[in-house]
Amino acid sequence: MHLTVRAIHTFPVRGGDAVAHESVAVEADGLEGDRRKRAAVSIVGHDSPHTRANLVLDAPTAAVEGLAGTLVRVGGTLLAVEGTGNACPGLYAAVGRVGTVRVGDVVERVEHEA
């Protein structure tokens, strides 16, 4: 399945409105301008756009959740993806390589960091 980034959001203030981005720097502890939380990056599918996720991909969340336990390259970043461990839809990811993510970037599974 070919996945791409449909939307990028940060949430600078707890409970506050999302800020949409066309591109954003991803730092070791999360997206630039995002408040720090449980996981560096959160990811959902296009059918869960009202969650407080950072990256919305162009596939249903059930398909996106198939990335759990993998390493993915998104733009210039490398993300280690895991399930949320709770009832929330989507995934959490730790940052393996900092970089920039843009709307339209392809999400590519990788075997190991190059």
PDB file of N, CA and C in Angstrom:
ATOM      1  N   MET A   1       0.840  -1.179   0.000  1.00  0.00           N
ATOM      2  CA  MET A   1       0.000   0.000   0.000  1.00  0.00           C
ATOM      3  C   MET A   1       0.882   1.237   0.000  1.00  0.00           C
ATOM      4  N   HIS A   2       0.506   2.199  -0.803  1.00  0.00           N
ATOM      5  CA  HIS A   2       1.237   3.456  -0.943  1.00  0.00           C
ATOM      6  C   HIS A   2       0.587   4.487  -0.021  1.00  0.00           C
ATOM      7  N   LEU A   3       1.274   4.892   1.041  1.00  0.00           N
ATOM      8  CA  LEU A   3       0.747   5.873   1.991  1.00  0.00           C
ATOM      9  C   LEU A   3       1.470   7.200   1.832  1.00  0.00           C
ATOM     10  N   THR A   4       0.717   8.290   1.944  1.00  0.00           N
ATOM     11  CA  THR A   4       1.317   9.615   1.938  1.00  0.00           C
ATOM     12  C   THR A   4       0.711  10.458   3.059  1.00  0.00           C
ATOM     13  N   VAL A   5       1.415  11.518   3.400  1.00  0.00           N
ATOM     14  CA  VAL A   5       0.952  12.440   4.435  1.00  0.00           C
ATOM     15  C   VAL A   5      -0.110  13.354   3.823  1.00  0.00           C
ATOM     16  N   ARG A   6      -1.313  13.330   4.395  1.00  0.00           N
ATOM     17  CA  ARG A   6      -2.422  14.164   3.915  1.00  0.00           C
ATOM     18  C   ARG A   6      -2.477  15.494   4.664  1.00  0.00           C
ATOM     19  N   ALA A   7      -2.150  15.483   5.959  1.00  0.00           N
ATOM     20  CA  ALA A   7      -2.204  16.698   6.770  1.00  0.00           C
ATOM     21  C   ALA A   7      -1.190  16.597   7.905  1.00  0.00           C
ATOM     22  N   ILE A   8      -0.719  17.764   8.349  1.00  0.00           N
ATOM     23  CA  ILE A   8       0.212  17.856   9.478  1.00  0.00           C
ATOM     24  C   ILE A   8      -0.372  18.857  10.469  1.00  0.00           C
ATOM     25  N   HIS A   9      -0.438  18.450  11.749  1.00  0.00           N
ATOM     26  CA  HIS A   9      -0.976  19.326  12.794  1.00  0.00           C
ATOM     27  C   HIS A   9      -0.045  19.358  13.995  1.00  0.00           C
ATOM     28  N   THR A  10       0.047  20.523  14.599  1.00  0.00           N
ATOM     29  CA  THR A  10       0.662  20.627  15.917  1.00  0.00           C
ATOM     30  C   THR A  10      -0.390  21.189  16.865  1.00  0.00           C
ATOM     31  N   PHE A  11      -0.165  20.946  18.149  1.00  0.00           N
ATOM     32  CA  PHE A  11      -1.078  21.379  19.204  1.00  0.00           C
ATOM     33  C   PHE A  11      -0.248  22.072  20.279  1.00  0.00           C
ATOM     34  N   PRO A  12       0.050  23.373  20.073  1.00  0.00           N
ATOM     35  CA  PRO A  12       0.950  24.087  20.984  1.00  0.00           C
ATOM     36  C   PRO A  12       0.446  24.182  22.420  1.00  0.00           C
ATOM     37  N   VAL A  13      -0.879  24.211  22.608  1.00  0.00           N
ATOM     38  CA  VAL A  13      -1.458  24.374  23.936  1.00  0.00           C
ATOM     39  C   VAL A  13      -2.384  23.200  24.225  1.00  0.00           C
ATOM     40  N   ARG A  14      -2.232  22.612  25.401  1.00  0.00           N
ATOM     41  CA  ARG A  14      -3.095  21.495  25.793  1.00  0.00           C
ATOM     42  C   ARG A  14      -4.562  21.895  25.672  1.00  0.00           C
ATOM     43  N   GLY A  15      -5.341  21.116  24.935  1.00  0.00           N
ATOM     44  CA  GLY A  15      -6.752  21.391  24.741  1.00  0.00           C
ATOM     45  C   GLY A  15      -7.036  22.478  23.721  1.00  0.00           C
ATOM     46  N   GLY A  16      -5.989  23.108  23.194  1.00  0.00           N
ATOM     47  CA  GLY A  16      -6.163  24.182  22.222  1.00  0.00           C
ATOM     48  C   GLY A  16      -6.381  23.658  20.816  1.00  0.00           C
ATOM     49  N   ASP A  17      -6.661  24.573  19.917  1.00  0.00           N
ATOM     50  CA  ASP A  17      -6.894  24.228  18.525  1.00  0.00           C
ATOM     51  C   ASP A  17      -5.614  23.749  17.846  1.00  0.00           C
ATOM     52  N   ALA A  18      -5.816  22.947  16.796  1.00  0.00           N
ATOM     53  CA  ALA A  18      -4.703  22.472  15.981  1.00  0.00           C
ATOM     54  C   ALA A  18      -4.183  23.600  15.110  1.00  0.00           C
ATOM     55  N   VAL A  19      -2.893  23.546  14.827  1.00  0.00           N
ATOM     56  CA  VAL A  19      -2.269  24.435  13.852  1.00  0.00           C
ATOM     57  C   VAL A  19      -1.872  23.554  12.673  1.00  0.00           C
ATOM     58  N   ALA A  20      -2.388  23.875  11.481  1.00  0.00           N
ATOM     59  CA  ALA A  20      -2.077  23.101  10.278  1.00  0.00           C
ATOM     60  C   ALA A  20      -0.787  23.608   9.647  1.00  0.00           C
ATOM     61  N   HIS A  21      -0.028  22.679   9.060  1.00  0.00           N
ATOM     62  CA  HIS A  21       1.251  23.016   8.426  1.00  0.00           C
ATOM     63  C   HIS A  21       1.346  22.327   7.068  1.00  0.00           C
ATOM     64  N   GLU A  22       2.028  22.958   6.142  1.00  0.00           N
ATOM     65  CA  GLU A  22       2.382  22.309   4.875  1.00  0.00           C
ATOM     66  C   GLU A  22       3.678  21.520   5.046  1.00  0.00           C
ATOM     67  N   SER A  23       4.541  21.996   5.945  1.00  0.00           N
ATOM     68  CA  SER A  23       5.779  21.290   6.288  1.00  0.00           C
ATOM     69  C   SER A  23       6.154  21.685   7.706  1.00  0.00           C
ATOM     70  N   VAL A  24       6.901  20.805   8.367  1.00  0.00           N
ATOM     71  CA  VAL A  24       7.317  21.086   9.738  1.00  0.00           C
ATOM     72  C   VAL A  24       8.599  20.310  10.036  1.00  0.00           C
ATOM     73  N   ALA A  25       9.454  20.919  10.842  1.00  0.00           N
ATOM     74  CA  ALA A  25      10.659  20.233  11.308  1.00  0.00           C
ATOM     75  C   ALA A  25      10.267  19.241  12.391  1.00  0.00           C
ATOM     76  N   VAL A  26      10.852  18.053  12.315  1.00  0.00           N
ATOM     77  CA  VAL A  26      10.642  17.035  13.336  1.00  0.00           C
ATOM     78  C   VAL A  26      11.939  16.910  14.117  1.00  0.00           C
ATOM     79  N   GLU A  27      11.848  17.226  15.405  1.00  0.00           N
ATOM     80  CA  GLU A  27      13.000  17.180  16.298  1.00  0.00           C
ATOM     81  C   GLU A  27      12.980  15.862  17.071  1.00  0.00           C
ATOM     82  N   ALA A  28      14.001  15.595  17.828  1.00  0.00           N
ATOM     83  CA  ALA A  28      14.093  14.332  18.559  1.00  0.00           C
ATOM     84  C   ALA A  28      12.908  14.108  19.491  1.00  0.00           C
ATOM     85  N   ASP A  29      12.336  15.198  20.041  1.00  0.00           N
ATOM     86  CA  ASP A  29      11.228  15.039  20.977  1.00  0.00           C
ATOM     87  C   ASP A  29       9.871  15.420  20.389  1.00  0.00           C
ATOM     88  N   GLY A  30       9.799  15.596  19.060  1.00  0.00           N
ATOM     89  CA  GLY A  30       8.510  15.852  18.426  1.00  0.00           C
ATOM     90  C   GLY A  30       8.557  16.945  17.383  1.00  0.00           C
ATOM     91  N   LEU A  31       7.382  17.307  16.887  1.00  0.00           N
ATOM     92  CA  LEU A  31       7.270  18.329  15.856  1.00  0.00           C
ATOM     93  C   LEU A  31       7.537  19.712  16.436  1.00  0.00           C
ATOM     94  N   GLU A  32       8.264  20.517  15.695  1.00  0.00           N
ATOM     95  CA  GLU A  32       8.557  21.883  16.114  1.00  0.00           C
ATOM     96  C   GLU A  32       7.237  22.624  16.348  1.00  0.00           C
ATOM     97  N   GLY A  33       7.119  23.265  17.493  1.00  0.00           N
ATOM     98  CA  GLY A  33       5.922  24.020  17.826  1.00  0.00           C
ATOM     99  C   GLY A  33       4.837  23.215  18.513  1.00  0.00           C
ATOM    100  N   ASP A  34       5.010  21.893  18.601  1.00  0.00           N
ATOM    101  CA  ASP A  34       4.027  21.045  19.270  1.00  0.00           C
ATOM    102  C   ASP A  34       4.376  20.965  20.748  1.00  0.00           C
ATOM    103  N   ARG A  35       3.353  20.910  21.604  1.00  0.00           N
ATOM    104  CA  ARG A  35       3.660  20.726  23.022  1.00  0.00           C
ATOM    105  C   ARG A  35       4.147  19.297  23.211  1.00  0.00           C
ATOM    106  N   ARG A  36       5.019  19.104  24.156  1.00  0.00           N
ATOM    107  CA  ARG A  36       5.575  17.772  24.397  1.00  0.00           C
ATOM    108  C   ARG A  36       4.542  16.925  25.119  1.00  0.00           C
ATOM    109  N   LYS A  37       4.429  15.679  24.682  1.00  0.00           N
ATOM    110  CA  LYS A  37       3.431  14.773  25.251  1.00  0.00           C
ATOM    111  C   LYS A  37       3.967  13.361  25.298  1.00  0.00           C
ATOM    112  N   ARG A  38       3.079  12.413  25.513  1.00  0.00           N
ATOM    113  CA  ARG A  38       3.448  11.010  25.715  1.00  0.00           C
ATOM    114  C   ARG A  38       4.373  10.461  24.622  1.00  0.00           C
ATOM    115  N   ALA A  39       4.071  10.752  23.366  1.00  0.00           N
ATOM    116  CA  ALA A  39       4.884  10.266  22.252  1.00  0.00           C
ATOM    117  C   ALA A  39       5.358  11.452  21.424  1.00  0.00           C
ATOM    118  N   ALA A  40       6.496  11.297  20.787  1.00  0.00           N
ATOM    119  CA  ALA A  40       7.038  12.381  19.975  1.00  0.00           C
ATOM    120  C   ALA A  40       6.115  12.729  18.808  1.00  0.00           C
ATOM    121  N   VAL A  41       5.567  11.698  18.144  1.00  0.00           N
ATOM    122  CA  VAL A  41       4.717  11.900  16.970  1.00  0.00           C
ATOM    123  C   VAL A  41       3.522  10.962  17.079  1.00  0.00           C
ATOM    124  N   SER A  42       2.346  11.449  16.713  1.00  0.00           N
ATOM    125  CA  SER A  42       1.160  10.585  16.654  1.00  0.00           C
ATOM    126  C   SER A  42       0.655  10.573  15.218  1.00  0.00           C
ATOM    127  N   ILE A  43       0.127   9.406  14.796  1.00  0.00           N
ATOM    128  CA  ILE A  43      -0.238   9.185  13.397  1.00  0.00           C
ATOM    129  C   ILE A  43      -1.611   8.528  13.327  1.00  0.00           C
ATOM    130  N   VAL A  44      -2.473   9.007  12.427  1.00  0.00           N
ATOM    131  CA  VAL A  44      -3.781   8.383  12.180  1.00  0.00           C
ATOM    132  C   VAL A  44      -4.056   8.354  10.683  1.00  0.00           C
ATOM    133  N   GLY A  45      -5.142   7.683  10.338  1.00  0.00           N
ATOM    134  CA  GLY A  45      -5.613   7.664   8.959  1.00  0.00           C
ATOM    135  C   GLY A  45      -6.604   8.779   8.709  1.00  0.00           C
ATOM    136  N   HIS A  46      -6.994   8.938   7.453  1.00  0.00           N
ATOM    137  CA  HIS A  46      -7.885  10.026   7.055  1.00  0.00           C
ATOM    138  C   HIS A  46      -9.287   9.920   7.639  1.00  0.00           C
ATOM    139  N   ASP A  47      -9.659   8.745   8.160  1.00  0.00           N
ATOM    140  CA  ASP A  47     -10.992   8.583   8.752  1.00  0.00           C
ATOM    141  C   ASP A  47     -11.012   8.954  10.232  1.00  0.00           C
ATOM    142  N   SER A  48      -9.900   9.431  10.773  1.00  0.00           N
ATOM    143  CA  SER A  48      -9.827   9.865  12.172  1.00  0.00           C
ATOM    144  C   SER A  48      -9.245  11.272  12.278  1.00  0.00           C
ATOM    145  N   PRO A  49      -9.706  12.210  11.437  1.00  0.00           N
ATOM    146  CA  PRO A  49      -9.066  13.532  11.396  1.00  0.00           C
ATOM    147  C   PRO A  49      -9.324  14.389  12.626  1.00  0.00           C
ATOM    148  N   HIS A  50     -10.300  14.023  13.446  1.00  0.00           N
ATOM    149  CA  HIS A  50     -10.630  14.860  14.600  1.00  0.00           C
ATOM    150  C   HIS A  50      -9.885  14.457  15.862  1.00  0.00           C
ATOM    151  N   THR A  51      -9.011  13.459  15.750  1.00  0.00           N
ATOM    152  CA  THR A  51      -8.150  13.134  16.887  1.00  0.00           C
ATOM    153  C   THR A  51      -7.072  14.211  16.965  1.00  0.00           C
ATOM    154  N   ARG A  52      -6.274  14.157  17.975  1.00  0.00           N
ATOM    155  CA  ARG A  52      -5.224  15.163  18.149  1.00  0.00           C
ATOM    156  C   ARG A  52      -3.887  14.618  17.639  1.00  0.00           C
ATOM    157  N   ALA A  53      -3.927  13.988  16.465  1.00  0.00           N
ATOM    158  CA  ALA A  53      -2.724  13.397  15.876  1.00  0.00           C
ATOM    159  C   ALA A  53      -1.937  14.437  15.088  1.00  0.00           C
ATOM    160  N   ASN A  54      -0.628  14.213  15.007  1.00  0.00           N
ATOM    161  CA  ASN A  54       0.247  15.108  14.259  1.00  0.00           C
ATOM    162  C   ASN A  54       0.198  14.851  12.757  1.00  0.00           C
ATOM    163  N   LEU A  55       0.253  13.588  12.369  1.00  0.00           N
ATOM    164  CA  LEU A  55       0.274  13.244  10.952  1.00  0.00           C
ATOM    165  C   LEU A  55      -1.000  12.497  10.591  1.00  0.00           C
ATOM    166  N   VAL A  56      -1.701  12.963   9.573  1.00  0.00           N
ATOM    167  CA  VAL A  56      -2.882  12.278   9.043  1.00  0.00           C
ATOM    168  C   VAL A  56      -2.472  11.721   7.687  1.00  0.00           C
ATOM    169  N   LEU A  57      -2.583  10.382   7.545  1.00  0.00           N
ATOM    170  CA  LEU A  57      -2.199   9.736   6.293  1.00  0.00           C
ATOM    171  C   LEU A  57      -3.417   9.506   5.412  1.00  0.00           C
ATOM    172  N   ASP A  58      -3.184   9.234   4.137  1.00  0.00           N
ATOM    173  CA  ASP A  58      -4.258   9.109   3.153  1.00  0.00           C
ATOM    174  C   ASP A  58      -4.801   7.681   3.034  1.00  0.00           C
ATOM    175  N   ALA A  59      -4.963   7.020   4.162  1.00  0.00           N
ATOM    176  CA  ALA A  59      -5.535   5.670   4.208  1.00  0.00           C
ATOM    177  C   ALA A  59      -6.373   5.571   5.469  1.00  0.00           C
ATOM    178  N   PRO A  60      -7.270   4.594   5.544  1.00  0.00           N
ATOM    179  CA  PRO A  60      -8.036   4.408   6.781  1.00  0.00           C
ATOM    180  C   PRO A  60      -7.105   4.072   7.948  1.00  0.00           C
ATOM    181  N   THR A  61      -7.503   4.473   9.133  1.00  0.00           N
ATOM    182  CA  THR A  61      -6.690   4.220  10.322  1.00  0.00           C
ATOM    183  C   THR A  61      -6.381   2.734  10.495  1.00  0.00           C
ATOM    184  N   ALA A  62      -7.329   1.859  10.183  1.00  0.00           N
ATOM    185  CA  ALA A  62      -7.075   0.411  10.304  1.00  0.00           C
ATOM    186  C   ALA A  62      -5.875  -0.003   9.447  1.00  0.00           C
ATOM    187  N   ALA A  63      -5.731   0.567   8.267  1.00  0.00           N
ATOM    188  CA  ALA A  63      -4.588   0.260   7.408  1.00  0.00           C
ATOM    189  C   ALA A  63      -3.306   0.884   7.958  1.00  0.00           C
ATOM    190  N   VAL A  64      -3.411   2.109   8.453  1.00  0.00           N
ATOM    191  CA  VAL A  64      -2.257   2.793   9.034  1.00  0.00           C
ATOM    192  C   VAL A  64      -1.721   2.002  10.227  1.00  0.00           C
ATOM    193  N   GLU A  65      -2.618   1.432  11.022  1.00  0.00           N
ATOM    194  CA  GLU A  65      -2.188   0.672  12.197  1.00  0.00           C
ATOM    195  C   GLU A  65      -1.359  -0.558  11.831  1.00  0.00           C
ATOM    196  N   GLY A  66      -1.381  -0.962  10.564  1.00  0.00           N
ATOM    197  CA  GLY A  66      -0.522  -2.047  10.094  1.00  0.00           C
ATOM    198  C   GLY A  66       0.956  -1.683  10.116  1.00  0.00           C
ATOM    199  N   LEU A  67       1.273  -0.417  10.307  1.00  0.00           N
ATOM    200  CA  LEU A  67       2.671   0.019  10.403  1.00  0.00           C
ATOM    201  C   LEU A  67       3.269  -0.219  11.790  1.00  0.00           C
ATOM    202  N   ALA A  68       2.443  -0.602  12.760  1.00  0.00           N
ATOM    203  CA  ALA A  68       2.940  -0.811  14.133  1.00  0.00           C
ATOM    204  C   ALA A  68       4.104  -1.799  14.136  1.00  0.00           C
ATOM    205  N   GLY A  69       5.138  -1.443  14.866  1.00  0.00           N
ATOM    206  CA  GLY A  69       6.308  -2.309  14.983  1.00  0.00           C
ATOM    207  C   GLY A  69       7.304  -2.155  13.848  1.00  0.00           C
ATOM    208  N   THR A  70       7.130  -1.131  13.012  1.00  0.00           N
ATOM    209  CA  THR A  70       8.044  -0.945  11.885  1.00  0.00           C
ATOM    210  C   THR A  70       8.804   0.371  12.009  1.00  0.00           C
ATOM    211  N   LEU A  71       9.789   0.493  11.166  1.00  0.00           N
ATOM    212  CA  LEU A  71      10.559   1.712  11.015  1.00  0.00           C
ATOM    213  C   LEU A  71      10.134   2.309   9.679  1.00  0.00           C
ATOM    214  N   VAL A  72       9.752   3.597   9.673  1.00  0.00           N
ATOM    215  CA  VAL A  72       9.312   4.232   8.427  1.00  0.00           C
ATOM    216  C   VAL A  72      10.091   5.504   8.167  1.00  0.00           C
ATOM    217  N   ARG A  73      10.297   5.783   6.886  1.00  0.00           N
ATOM    218  CA  ARG A  73      10.891   7.038   6.451  1.00  0.00           C
ATOM    219  C   ARG A  73       9.742   7.912   5.967  1.00  0.00           C
ATOM    220  N   VAL A  74       9.656   9.116   6.490  1.00  0.00           N
ATOM    221  CA  VAL A  74       8.662  10.093   6.068  1.00  0.00           C
ATOM    222  C   VAL A  74       9.420  11.379   5.808  1.00  0.00           C
ATOM    223  N   GLY A  75       9.495  11.782   4.547  1.00  0.00           N
ATOM    224  CA  GLY A  75      10.307  12.944   4.219  1.00  0.00           C
ATOM    225  C   GLY A  75      11.730  12.694   4.662  1.00  0.00           C
ATOM    226  N   GLY A  76      12.302  13.637   5.391  1.00  0.00           N
ATOM    227  CA  GLY A  76      13.676  13.502   5.866  1.00  0.00           C
ATOM    228  C   GLY A  76      13.805  12.839   7.221  1.00  0.00           C
ATOM    229  N   THR A  77      12.688  12.312   7.765  1.00  0.00           N
ATOM    230  CA  THR A  77      12.736  11.722   9.103  1.00  0.00           C
ATOM    231  C   THR A  77      12.701  10.201   9.050  1.00  0.00           C
ATOM    232  N   LEU A  78      13.079   9.607  10.148  1.00  0.00           N
ATOM    233  CA  LEU A  78      12.940   8.172  10.355  1.00  0.00           C
ATOM    234  C   LEU A  78      12.170   8.011  11.653  1.00  0.00           C
ATOM    235  N   LEU A  79      11.069   7.256  11.610  1.00  0.00           N
ATOM    236  CA  LEU A  79      10.197   7.087  12.769  1.00  0.00           C
ATOM    237  C   LEU A  79      10.070   5.620  13.130  1.00  0.00           C
ATOM    238  N   ALA A  80      10.203   5.303  14.415  1.00  0.00           N
ATOM    239  CA  ALA A  80       9.961   3.960  14.937  1.00  0.00           C
ATOM    240  C   ALA A  80       8.514   3.938  15.428  1.00  0.00           C
ATOM    241  N   VAL A  81       7.656   3.183  14.755  1.00  0.00           N
ATOM    242  CA  VAL A  81       6.210   3.237  14.953  1.00  0.00           C
ATOM    243  C   VAL A  81       5.738   2.113  15.869  1.00  0.00           C
ATOM    244  N   GLU A  82       4.877   2.459  16.827  1.00  0.00           N
ATOM    245  CA  GLU A  82       4.294   1.491  17.764  1.00  0.00           C
ATOM    246  C   GLU A  82       2.821   1.799  17.964  1.00  0.00           C
ATOM    247  N   GLY A  83       2.066   0.820  18.436  1.00  0.00           N
ATOM    248  CA  GLY A  83       0.669   1.049  18.786  1.00  0.00           C
ATOM    249  C   GLY A  83       0.571   1.987  19.968  1.00  0.00           C
ATOM    250  N   THR A  84      -0.608   2.562  20.175  1.00  0.00           N
ATOM    251  CA  THR A  84      -0.782   3.506  21.277  1.00  0.00           C
ATOM    252  C   THR A  84      -0.878   2.809  22.630  1.00  0.00           C
ATOM    253  N   GLY A  85      -1.275   1.538  22.620  1.00  0.00           N
ATOM    254  CA  GLY A  85      -1.411   0.821  23.886  1.00  0.00           C
ATOM    255  C   GLY A  85      -2.669   1.187  24.644  1.00  0.00           C
ATOM    256  N   ASN A  86      -3.579   1.908  23.986  1.00  0.00           N
ATOM    257  CA  ASN A  86      -4.847   2.265  24.623  1.00  0.00           C
ATOM    258  C   ASN A  86      -5.943   2.267  23.554  1.00  0.00           C
ATOM    259  N   ALA A  87      -7.099   2.743  23.873  1.00  0.00           N
ATOM    260  CA  ALA A  87      -8.238   2.700  22.946  1.00  0.00           C
ATOM    261  C   ALA A  87      -8.198   3.796  21.888  1.00  0.00           C
ATOM    262  N   CYS A  88      -7.239   4.693  21.959  1.00  0.00           N
ATOM    263  CA  CYS A  88      -7.155   5.758  20.958  1.00  0.00           C
ATOM    264  C   CYS A  88      -6.782   5.178  19.599  1.00  0.00           C
ATOM    265  N   PRO A  89      -7.389   5.692  18.522  1.00  0.00           N
ATOM    266  CA  PRO A  89      -7.013   5.207  17.193  1.00  0.00           C
ATOM    267  C   PRO A  89      -5.632   5.705  16.808  1.00  0.00           C
ATOM    268  N   GLY A  90      -4.984   4.970  15.916  1.00  0.00           N
ATOM    269  CA  GLY A  90      -3.717   5.420  15.385  1.00  0.00           C
ATOM    270  C   GLY A  90      -2.513   4.823  16.054  1.00  0.00           C
ATOM    271  N   LEU A  91      -1.389   5.502  15.863  1.00  0.00           N
ATOM    272  CA  LEU A  91      -0.088   5.013  16.300  1.00  0.00           C
ATOM    273  C   LEU A  91       0.718   6.129  16.941  1.00  0.00           C
ATOM    274  N   TYR A  92       1.720   5.732  17.703  1.00  0.00           N
ATOM    275  CA  TYR A  92       2.718   6.654  18.229  1.00  0.00           C
ATOM    276  C   TYR A  92       4.033   6.325  17.546  1.00  0.00           C
ATOM    277  N   ALA A  93       4.931   7.305  17.495  1.00  0.00           N
ATOM    278  CA  ALA A  93       6.243   7.053  16.906  1.00  0.00           C
ATOM    279  C   ALA A  93       7.316   7.831  17.652  1.00  0.00           C
ATOM    280  N   ALA A  94       8.458   7.179  17.795  1.00  0.00           N
ATOM    281  CA  ALA A  94       9.659   7.826  18.322  1.00  0.00           C
ATOM    282  C   ALA A  94      10.482   8.281  17.124  1.00  0.00           C
ATOM    283  N   VAL A  95      11.238   9.342  17.293  1.00  0.00           N
ATOM    284  CA  VAL A  95      12.035   9.893  16.206  1.00  0.00           C
ATOM    285  C   VAL A  95      13.411   9.247  16.202  1.00  0.00           C
ATOM    286  N   GLY A  96      13.738   8.580  15.093  1.00  0.00           N
ATOM    287  CA  GLY A  96      15.049   7.959  14.925  1.00  0.00           C
ATOM    288  C   GLY A  96      16.024   8.864  14.199  1.00  0.00           C
ATOM    289  N   ARG A  97      15.499   9.726  13.331  1.00  0.00           N
ATOM    290  CA  ARG A  97      16.316  10.710  12.619  1.00  0.00           C
ATOM    291  C   ARG A  97      15.481  11.975  12.453  1.00  0.00           C
ATOM    292  N   VAL A  98      16.015  13.095  12.875  1.00  0.00           N
ATOM    293  CA  VAL A  98      15.314  14.373  12.734  1.00  0.00           C
ATOM    294  C   VAL A  98      15.330  14.796  11.274  1.00  0.00           C
ATOM    295  N   GLY A  99      14.384  15.641  10.908  1.00  0.00           N
ATOM    296  CA  GLY A  99      14.302  16.119   9.532  1.00  0.00           C
ATOM    297  C   GLY A  99      13.029  16.919   9.345  1.00  0.00           C
ATOM    298  N   THR A 100      12.593  17.034   8.114  1.00  0.00           N
ATOM    299  CA  THR A 100      11.390  17.792   7.791  1.00  0.00           C
ATOM    300  C   THR A 100      10.369  16.869   7.146  1.00  0.00           C
ATOM    301  N   VAL A 101       9.111  17.051   7.523  1.00  0.00           N
ATOM    302  CA  VAL A 101       7.994  16.316   6.927  1.00  0.00           C
ATOM    303  C   VAL A 101       7.115  17.325   6.206  1.00  0.00           C
ATOM    304  N   ARG A 102       6.647  16.938   5.012  1.00  0.00           N
ATOM    305  CA  ARG A 102       5.783  17.806   4.207  1.00  0.00           C
ATOM    306  C   ARG A 102       4.504  17.068   3.822  1.00  0.00           C
ATOM    307  N   VAL A 103       3.418  17.820   3.660  1.00  0.00           N
ATOM    308  CA  VAL A 103       2.202  17.238   3.113  1.00  0.00           C
ATOM    309  C   VAL A 103       2.563  16.666   1.743  1.00  0.00           C
ATOM    310  N   GLY A 104       2.129  15.438   1.476  1.00  0.00           N
ATOM    311  CA  GLY A 104       2.443  14.760   0.220  1.00  0.00           C
ATOM    312  C   GLY A 104       3.617  13.812   0.300  1.00  0.00           C
ATOM    313  N   ASP A 105       4.406  13.865   1.398  1.00  0.00           N
ATOM    314  CA  ASP A 105       5.532  12.937   1.547  1.00  0.00           C
ATOM    315  C   ASP A 105       5.035  11.498   1.594  1.00  0.00           C
ATOM    316  N   VAL A 106       5.793  10.611   0.990  1.00  0.00           N
ATOM    317  CA  VAL A 106       5.501   9.187   1.009  1.00  0.00           C
ATOM    318  C   VAL A 106       5.970   8.594   2.330  1.00  0.00           C
ATOM    319  N   VAL A 107       5.188   7.667   2.867  1.00  0.00           N
ATOM    320  CA  VAL A 107       5.546   6.919   4.075  1.00  0.00           C
ATOM    321  C   VAL A 107       6.089   5.582   3.597  1.00  0.00           C
ATOM    322  N   GLU A 108       7.379   5.345   3.832  1.00  0.00           N
ATOM    323  CA  GLU A 108       8.049   4.167   3.300  1.00  0.00           C
ATOM    324  C   GLU A 108       8.620   3.307   4.428  1.00  0.00           C
ATOM    325  N   ARG A 109       8.226   2.029   4.459  1.00  0.00           N
ATOM    326  CA  ARG A 109       8.826   1.106   5.435  1.00  0.00           C
ATOM    327  C   ARG A 109      10.290   0.887   5.071  1.00  0.00           C
ATOM    328  N   VAL A 110      11.148   0.835   6.097  1.00  0.00           N
ATOM    329  CA  VAL A 110      12.560   0.545   5.867  1.00  0.00           C
ATOM    330  C   VAL A 110      12.974  -0.600   6.779  1.00  0.00           C
ATOM    331  N   GLU A 111      13.937  -1.356   6.324  1.00  0.00           N
ATOM    332  CA  GLU A 111      14.420  -2.501   7.108  1.00  0.00           C
ATOM    333  C   GLU A 111      15.264  -2.062   8.296  1.00  0.00           C
ATOM    334  N   HIS A 112      16.096  -1.065   8.092  1.00  0.00           N
ATOM    335  CA  HIS A 112      16.961  -0.530   9.147  1.00  0.00           C
ATOM    336  C   HIS A 112      17.427   0.833   8.728  1.00  0.00           C
ATOM    337  N   GLU A 113      17.906   1.583   9.694  1.00  0.00           N
ATOM    338  CA  GLU A 113      18.380   2.944   9.407  1.00  0.00           C
ATOM    339  C   GLU A 113      19.651   2.881   8.599  1.00  0.00           C
ATOM    340  N   ALA A 114      19.661   3.636   7.521  1.00  0.00           N
ATOM    341  CA  ALA A 114      20.848   3.672   6.660  1.00  0.00           C
ATOM    342  C   ALA A 114      21.773   4.788   7.076  1.00  0.00           C
TER     343      ALA A 114
END
